[in-house]
Amino acid sequence: MQILSNLAEQYPSSQSLIIQADAVENSQLIAAFAKGKEVFGHIDAVFNNACIASIIDMQSLSFEEASEVFESRSASNVTMRSKSSGK
């Protein structure tokens, strides 16, 4: 992605770490936090921009589709908060 390439060029690896992960896969988020702590010793901030972004009629979705939208918008944020606080 061009945006990530631009960020990587703007901020050296000594100041930032860009990791691609599926935000609803807890194991990938745990691995991302572990990598951040490995590289920097601690984590000051996390930017999570994950979600399924679209304008949709939630009533027209199947239960599975609605669950996926909900998880992408909420579950990853709970994990991000708990892992960033060291829990």
Protein backbone atom coordinates (compact mmCIF):
# COMPACT_ATOMS: atom_id res chain seq x y z
CA MET A 1 0.00 0.00 0.00
CA GLN A 2 1.27 3.42 -0.92
CA ILE A 3 0.15 5.04 2.33
CA LEU A 4 2.16 2.58 4.41
CA SER A 5 5.17 3.04 2.17
CA ASN A 6 4.93 6.80 2.69
CA LEU A 7 4.74 6.38 6.46
CA ALA A 8 7.71 4.03 6.44
CA GLU A 9 9.72 6.59 4.50
CA GLN A 10 8.66 9.47 6.76
CA TYR A 11 9.31 7.71 10.07
CA PRO A 12 12.45 5.59 10.48
CA SER A 13 12.20 2.07 11.86
CA SER A 14 13.73 3.34 15.10
CA GLN A 15 10.52 5.37 15.66
CA SER A 16 7.73 3.28 14.16
CA LEU A 17 6.68 -0.26 13.39
CA ILE A 18 4.03 -1.05 10.81
CA ILE A 19 2.43 -4.47 11.19
CA GLN A 20 -0.34 -5.95 9.09
CA ALA A 21 -2.72 -8.11 11.11
CA ASP A 22 -6.30 -9.29 11.02
CA ALA A 23 -7.88 -7.22 13.78
CA VAL A 24 -10.40 -9.91 14.72
CA GLU A 25 -7.72 -12.60 15.07
CA ASN A 26 -6.62 -12.33 18.69
CA SER A 27 -3.45 -14.35 18.09
CA GLN A 28 -2.31 -11.89 15.39
CA LEU A 29 -2.88 -8.92 17.69
CA ILE A 30 -0.98 -10.58 20.52
CA ALA A 31 1.89 -11.30 18.12
CA ALA A 32 1.85 -7.66 16.94
CA PHE A 33 2.13 -6.37 20.52
CA ALA A 34 4.90 -8.86 21.25
CA LYS A 35 6.81 -7.64 18.19
CA GLY A 36 6.37 -4.02 19.27
CA LYS A 37 7.69 -4.77 22.75
CA GLU A 38 10.56 -6.79 21.25
CA VAL A 39 11.60 -3.95 18.95
CA PHE A 40 11.10 -0.99 21.32
CA GLY A 41 10.95 -2.45 24.83
CA HIS A 42 7.54 -0.83 25.44
CA ILE A 43 4.56 0.54 23.53
CA ASP A 44 3.49 4.19 23.83
CA ALA A 45 0.62 4.23 21.32
CA VAL A 46 -1.27 1.98 18.95
CA PHE A 47 -3.17 3.16 15.89
CA ASN A 48 -5.84 0.67 14.93
CA ASN A 49 -7.63 1.61 11.73
CA ALA A 50 -9.36 -1.70 11.18
CA CYS A 51 -13.03 -2.03 10.38
CA ILE A 52 -15.35 -3.00 7.61
CA ALA A 53 -16.23 0.39 6.20
CA SER A 54 -19.37 0.64 4.17
CA ILE A 55 -22.83 2.07 4.30
CA ILE A 56 -25.09 -0.91 4.74
CA ASP A 57 -28.55 -1.80 5.90
CA MET A 58 -27.77 -4.00 8.89
CA GLN A 59 -31.24 -5.58 8.68
CA SER A 60 -30.42 -6.99 5.24
CA LEU A 61 -27.37 -8.89 6.51
CA SER A 62 -27.27 -12.49 7.61
CA PHE A 63 -26.32 -13.14 11.23
CA GLU A 64 -22.81 -14.17 10.13
CA GLU A 65 -22.31 -11.01 8.05
CA ALA A 66 -23.58 -8.76 10.84
CA SER A 67 -21.29 -10.55 13.33
CA GLU A 68 -18.30 -9.93 11.07
CA VAL A 69 -19.09 -6.21 10.84
CA PHE A 70 -19.56 -5.99 14.62
CA GLU A 71 -16.33 -7.88 15.36
CA SER A 72 -14.28 -5.72 13.01
CA ARG A 73 -15.51 -2.59 14.77
CA SER A 74 -15.44 -3.65 18.41
CA ALA A 75 -13.62 -6.84 19.33
CA SER A 76 -10.24 -5.70 18.03
CA ASN A 77 -10.48 -2.47 20.02
CA VAL A 78 -11.04 -4.39 23.26
CA THR A 79 -7.98 -6.54 22.55
CA MET A 80 -5.93 -3.49 21.62
CA ARG A 81 -6.79 -1.76 24.90
CA SER A 82 -6.11 -4.78 27.09
CA LYS A 83 -2.81 -5.64 25.40
CA SER A 84 -1.58 -2.04 25.40
CA SER A 85 -2.19 -1.83 29.16
CA GLY A 86 -0.15 -4.98 29.67
CA LYS A 87 -3.04 -7.25 30.66
